[in-house]
């Protein structure tokens, strides 16, 4: 999962480097997954969100 973003940001602060190198890819995967799921739902014709 993190291979493409390994050491993408090199900061002096360890906590900031960790947040950027692991948090940013996690947010990207979350957004891409959400967009892909929405596209699949639209293609299938399901316009109602799933029941809680």
PDB file of N, CA and C in Angstrom:
ATOM      1  N   UNK A   1       0.822  -1.199   0.000  1.00  0.00           N
ATOM      2  CA  UNK A   1       0.000   0.000   0.000  1.00  0.00           C
ATOM      3  C   UNK A   1       0.857   1.250   0.000  1.00  0.00           C
ATOM      4  N   UNK A   2       1.915   1.253   0.751  1.00  0.00           N
ATOM      5  CA  UNK A   2       2.690   2.468   0.931  1.00  0.00           C
ATOM      6  C   UNK A   2       3.894   2.520  -0.018  1.00  0.00           C
ATOM      7  N   UNK A   3       4.072   1.546  -0.858  1.00  0.00           N
ATOM      8  CA  UNK A   3       5.263   1.475  -1.702  1.00  0.00           C
ATOM      9  C   UNK A   3       5.475   2.741  -2.541  1.00  0.00           C
ATOM     10  N   UNK A   4       4.440   3.296  -3.140  1.00  0.00           N
ATOM     11  CA  UNK A   4       4.606   4.461  -4.002  1.00  0.00           C
ATOM     12  C   UNK A   4       4.944   5.725  -3.225  1.00  0.00           C
ATOM     13  N   UNK A   5       4.673   5.728  -1.936  1.00  0.00           N
ATOM     14  CA  UNK A   5       4.907   6.943  -1.164  1.00  0.00           C
ATOM     15  C   UNK A   5       6.025   6.782  -0.143  1.00  0.00           C
ATOM     16  N   UNK A   6       6.845   5.753  -0.293  1.00  0.00           N
ATOM     17  CA  UNK A   6       7.927   5.526   0.654  1.00  0.00           C
ATOM     18  C   UNK A   6       8.904   6.700   0.626  1.00  0.00           C
ATOM     19  N   UNK A   7       9.044   7.363   1.765  1.00  0.00           N
ATOM     20  CA  UNK A   7       9.908   8.549   1.902  1.00  0.00           C
ATOM     21  C   UNK A   7       9.580   9.628   0.879  1.00  0.00           C
ATOM     22  N   UNK A   8       8.312   9.824   0.631  1.00  0.00           N
ATOM     23  CA  UNK A   8       7.877  10.881  -0.279  1.00  0.00           C
ATOM     24  C   UNK A   8       8.229  12.251   0.294  1.00  0.00           C
ATOM     25  N   UNK A   9       8.059  12.390   1.598  1.00  0.00           N
ATOM     26  CA  UNK A   9       8.403  13.623   2.293  1.00  0.00           C
ATOM     27  C   UNK A   9       9.531  13.337   3.269  1.00  0.00           C
ATOM     28  N   UNK A  10      10.552  14.151   3.263  1.00  0.00           N
ATOM     29  CA  UNK A  10      11.657  13.998   4.211  1.00  0.00           C
ATOM     30  C   UNK A  10      11.724  15.249   5.072  1.00  0.00           C
ATOM     31  N   UNK A  11      11.104  15.165   6.227  1.00  0.00           N
ATOM     32  CA  UNK A  11      11.077  16.274   7.181  1.00  0.00           C
ATOM     33  C   UNK A  11      12.021  15.961   8.337  1.00  0.00           C
ATOM     34  N   UNK A  12      12.414  16.988   9.058  1.00  0.00           N
ATOM     35  CA  UNK A  12      13.251  16.784  10.236  1.00  0.00           C
ATOM     36  C   UNK A  12      12.446  16.235  11.404  1.00  0.00           C
ATOM     37  N   UNK A  13      11.212  16.663  11.531  1.00  0.00           N
ATOM     38  CA  UNK A  13      10.366  16.195  12.632  1.00  0.00           C
ATOM     39  C   UNK A  13       9.844  14.797  12.308  1.00  0.00           C
ATOM     40  N   UNK A  14      10.164  13.842  13.171  1.00  0.00           N
ATOM     41  CA  UNK A  14       9.759  12.455  12.930  1.00  0.00           C
ATOM     42  C   UNK A  14       8.246  12.289  12.868  1.00  0.00           C
ATOM     43  N   UNK A  15       7.518  12.961  13.754  1.00  0.00           N
ATOM     44  CA  UNK A  15       6.062  12.802  13.785  1.00  0.00           C
ATOM     45  C   UNK A  15       5.438  13.353  12.508  1.00  0.00           C
ATOM     46  N   UNK A  16       5.966  14.454  11.982  1.00  0.00           N
ATOM     47  CA  UNK A  16       5.412  15.038  10.760  1.00  0.00           C
ATOM     48  C   UNK A  16       5.713  14.148   9.556  1.00  0.00           C
ATOM     49  N   UNK A  17       6.923  13.596   9.522  1.00  0.00           N
ATOM     50  CA  UNK A  17       7.288  12.690   8.431  1.00  0.00           C
ATOM     51  C   UNK A  17       6.393  11.450   8.451  1.00  0.00           C
ATOM     52  N   UNK A  18       6.107  10.932   9.640  1.00  0.00           N
ATOM     53  CA  UNK A  18       5.247   9.756   9.756  1.00  0.00           C
ATOM     54  C   UNK A  18       3.830  10.073   9.307  1.00  0.00           C
ATOM     55  N   UNK A  19       3.309  11.217   9.735  1.00  0.00           N
ATOM     56  CA  UNK A  19       1.951  11.612   9.338  1.00  0.00           C
ATOM     57  C   UNK A  19       1.859  11.782   7.830  1.00  0.00           C
ATOM     58  N   UNK A  20       2.837  12.445   7.239  1.00  0.00           N
ATOM     59  CA  UNK A  20       2.784  12.681   5.791  1.00  0.00           C
ATOM     60  C   UNK A  20       3.034  11.417   4.981  1.00  0.00           C
ATOM     61  N   UNK A  21       3.968  10.584   5.405  1.00  0.00           N
ATOM     62  CA  UNK A  21       4.303   9.398   4.625  1.00  0.00           C
ATOM     63  C   UNK A  21       3.310   8.254   4.794  1.00  0.00           C
ATOM     64  N   UNK A  22       2.557   8.234   5.889  1.00  0.00           N
ATOM     65  CA  UNK A  22       1.558   7.175   6.081  1.00  0.00           C
ATOM     66  C   UNK A  22       0.129   7.716   6.019  1.00  0.00           C
ATOM     67  N   UNK A  23      -0.084   8.911   6.529  1.00  0.00           N
ATOM     68  CA  UNK A  23      -1.424   9.487   6.548  1.00  0.00           C
ATOM     69  C   UNK A  23      -1.906   9.919   5.176  1.00  0.00           C
ATOM     70  N   UNK A  24      -1.043  10.561   4.429  1.00  0.00           N
ATOM     71  CA  UNK A  24      -1.423  11.033   3.097  1.00  0.00           C
ATOM     72  C   UNK A  24      -1.800   9.880   2.163  1.00  0.00           C
ATOM     73  N   UNK A  25      -1.008   8.809   2.082  1.00  0.00           N
ATOM     74  CA  UNK A  25      -1.430   7.678   1.248  1.00  0.00           C
ATOM     75  C   UNK A  25      -2.737   7.046   1.729  1.00  0.00           C
ATOM     76  N   UNK A  26      -2.943   6.999   3.038  1.00  0.00           N
ATOM     77  CA  UNK A  26      -4.188   6.434   3.561  1.00  0.00           C
ATOM     78  C   UNK A  26      -5.383   7.265   3.113  1.00  0.00           C
ATOM     79  N   UNK A  27      -5.248   8.584   3.141  1.00  0.00           N
ATOM     80  CA  UNK A  27      -6.331   9.465   2.695  1.00  0.00           C
ATOM     81  C   UNK A  27      -6.560   9.311   1.198  1.00  0.00           C
ATOM     82  N   UNK A  28      -5.490   9.190   0.430  1.00  0.00           N
ATOM     83  CA  UNK A  28      -5.619   9.007  -1.024  1.00  0.00           C
ATOM     84  C   UNK A  28      -6.354   7.705  -1.331  1.00  0.00           C
ATOM     85  N   UNK A  29      -5.955   6.605  -0.668  1.00  0.00           N
ATOM     86  CA  UNK A  29      -6.632   5.327  -0.885  1.00  0.00           C
ATOM     87  C   UNK A  29      -8.093   5.393  -0.464  1.00  0.00           C
ATOM     88  N   UNK A  30      -8.373   6.099   0.625  1.00  0.00           N
ATOM     89  CA  UNK A  30      -9.750   6.251   1.080  1.00  0.00           C
ATOM     90  C   UNK A  30     -10.586   6.991   0.038  1.00  0.00           C
ATOM     91  N   UNK A  31     -10.060   8.085  -0.486  1.00  0.00           N
ATOM     92  CA  UNK A  31     -10.803   8.866  -1.490  1.00  0.00           C
ATOM     93  C   UNK A  31     -10.988   8.082  -2.786  1.00  0.00           C
ATOM     94  N   UNK A  32      -9.950   7.408  -3.232  1.00  0.00           N
ATOM     95  CA  UNK A  32     -10.055   6.619  -4.464  1.00  0.00           C
ATOM     96  C   UNK A  32     -11.050   5.476  -4.279  1.00  0.00           C
ATOM     97  N   UNK A  33     -10.998   4.805  -3.130  1.00  0.00           N
ATOM     98  CA  UNK A  33     -11.931   3.718  -2.858  1.00  0.00           C
ATOM     99  C   UNK A  33     -13.362   4.198  -2.793  1.00  0.00           C
ATOM    100  N   UNK A  34     -13.574   5.359  -2.176  1.00  0.00           N
ATOM    101  CA  UNK A  34     -14.924   5.920  -2.087  1.00  0.00           C
ATOM    102  C   UNK A  34     -15.443   6.279  -3.479  1.00  0.00           C
ATOM    103  N   UNK A  35     -14.602   6.901  -4.283  1.00  0.00           N
ATOM    104  CA  UNK A  35     -15.012   7.277  -5.640  1.00  0.00           C
ATOM    105  C   UNK A  35     -15.301   6.037  -6.480  1.00  0.00           C
ATOM    106  N   UNK A  36     -14.484   5.015  -6.334  1.00  0.00           N
ATOM    107  CA  UNK A  36     -14.692   3.782  -7.091  1.00  0.00           C
ATOM    108  C   UNK A  36     -15.978   3.083  -6.663  1.00  0.00           C
ATOM    109  N   UNK A  37     -16.247   3.041  -5.369  1.00  0.00           N
ATOM    110  CA  UNK A  37     -17.483   2.421  -4.883  1.00  0.00           C
ATOM    111  C   UNK A  37     -18.710   3.192  -5.371  1.00  0.00           C
ATOM    112  N   UNK A  38     -18.634   4.512  -5.374  1.00  0.00           N
ATOM    113  CA  UNK A  38     -19.750   5.321  -5.865  1.00  0.00           C
ATOM    114  C   UNK A  38     -19.986   5.076  -7.352  1.00  0.00           C
ATOM    115  N   UNK A  39     -18.912   4.946  -8.108  1.00  0.00           N
ATOM    116  CA  UNK A  39     -19.034   4.684  -9.546  1.00  0.00           C
ATOM    117  C   UNK A  39     -19.672   3.320  -9.795  1.00  0.00           C
ATOM    118  N   UNK A  40     -19.262   2.325  -9.039  1.00  0.00           N
ATOM    119  CA  UNK A  40     -19.822   0.983  -9.202  1.00  0.00           C
ATOM    120  C   UNK A  40     -21.301   0.982  -8.844  1.00  0.00           C
ATOM    121  N   UNK A  41     -21.658   1.662  -7.752  1.00  0.00           N
ATOM    122  CA  UNK A  41     -23.070   1.750  -7.370  1.00  0.00           C
ATOM    123  C   UNK A  41     -23.885   2.436  -8.458  1.00  0.00           C
ATOM    124  N   UNK A  42     -23.342   3.474  -9.058  1.00  0.00           N
ATOM    125  CA  UNK A  42     -24.051   4.201 -10.112  1.00  0.00           C
ATOM    126  C   UNK A  42     -24.228   3.316 -11.345  1.00  0.00           C
ATOM    127  N   UNK A  43     -23.210   2.551 -11.673  1.00  0.00           N
ATOM    128  CA  UNK A  43     -23.295   1.658 -12.833  1.00  0.00           C
ATOM    129  C   UNK A  43     -24.349   0.577 -12.603  1.00  0.00           C
ATOM    130  N   UNK A  44     -24.442   0.079 -11.383  1.00  0.00           N
ATOM    131  CA  UNK A  44     -25.394  -0.963 -11.065  1.00  0.00           C
ATOM    132  C   UNK A  44     -26.833  -0.416 -10.957  1.00  0.00           C
ATOM    133  N   UNK A  45     -26.991   0.890 -10.902  1.00  0.00           N
ATOM    134  CA  UNK A  45     -28.308   1.475 -10.845  1.00  0.00           C
ATOM    135  C   UNK A  45     -28.879   1.596  -9.446  1.00  0.00           C
ATOM    136  N   UNK A  46     -28.083   1.347  -8.436  1.00  0.00           N
ATOM    137  CA  UNK A  46     -28.532   1.457  -7.041  1.00  0.00           C
ATOM    138  C   UNK A  46     -28.362   2.904  -6.595  1.00  0.00           C
ATOM    139  N   UNK A  47     -29.463   3.647  -6.540  1.00  0.00           N
ATOM    140  CA  UNK A  47     -29.382   5.058  -6.193  1.00  0.00           C
ATOM    141  C   UNK A  47     -29.579   5.321  -4.712  1.00  0.00           C
ATOM    142  N   UNK A  48     -30.022   4.332  -3.959  1.00  0.00           N
ATOM    143  CA  UNK A  48     -30.221   4.521  -2.528  1.00  0.00           C
ATOM    144  C   UNK A  48     -29.011   4.034  -1.770  1.00  0.00           C
ATOM    145  N   UNK A  49     -28.606   4.773  -0.727  1.00  0.00           N
ATOM    146  CA  UNK A  49     -27.477   4.303   0.082  1.00  0.00           C
ATOM    147  C   UNK A  49     -27.858   3.057   0.858  1.00  0.00           C
ATOM    148  N   UNK A  50     -26.887   2.244   1.224  1.00  0.00           N
ATOM    149  CA  UNK A  50     -27.207   1.021   1.973  1.00  0.00           C
ATOM    150  C   UNK A  50     -27.811   1.335   3.326  1.00  0.00           C
ATOM    151  N   UNK A  51     -28.683   0.465   3.791  1.00  0.00           N
ATOM    152  CA  UNK A  51     -29.342   0.663   5.078  1.00  0.00           C
ATOM    153  C   UNK A  51     -28.333   0.506   6.205  1.00  0.00           C
ATOM    154  N   UNK A  52     -28.443   1.316   7.259  1.00  0.00           N
ATOM    155  CA  UNK A  52     -27.485   1.215   8.377  1.00  0.00           C
ATOM    156  C   UNK A  52     -27.641  -0.052   9.177  1.00  0.00           C
TER     157      UNK A  52
END
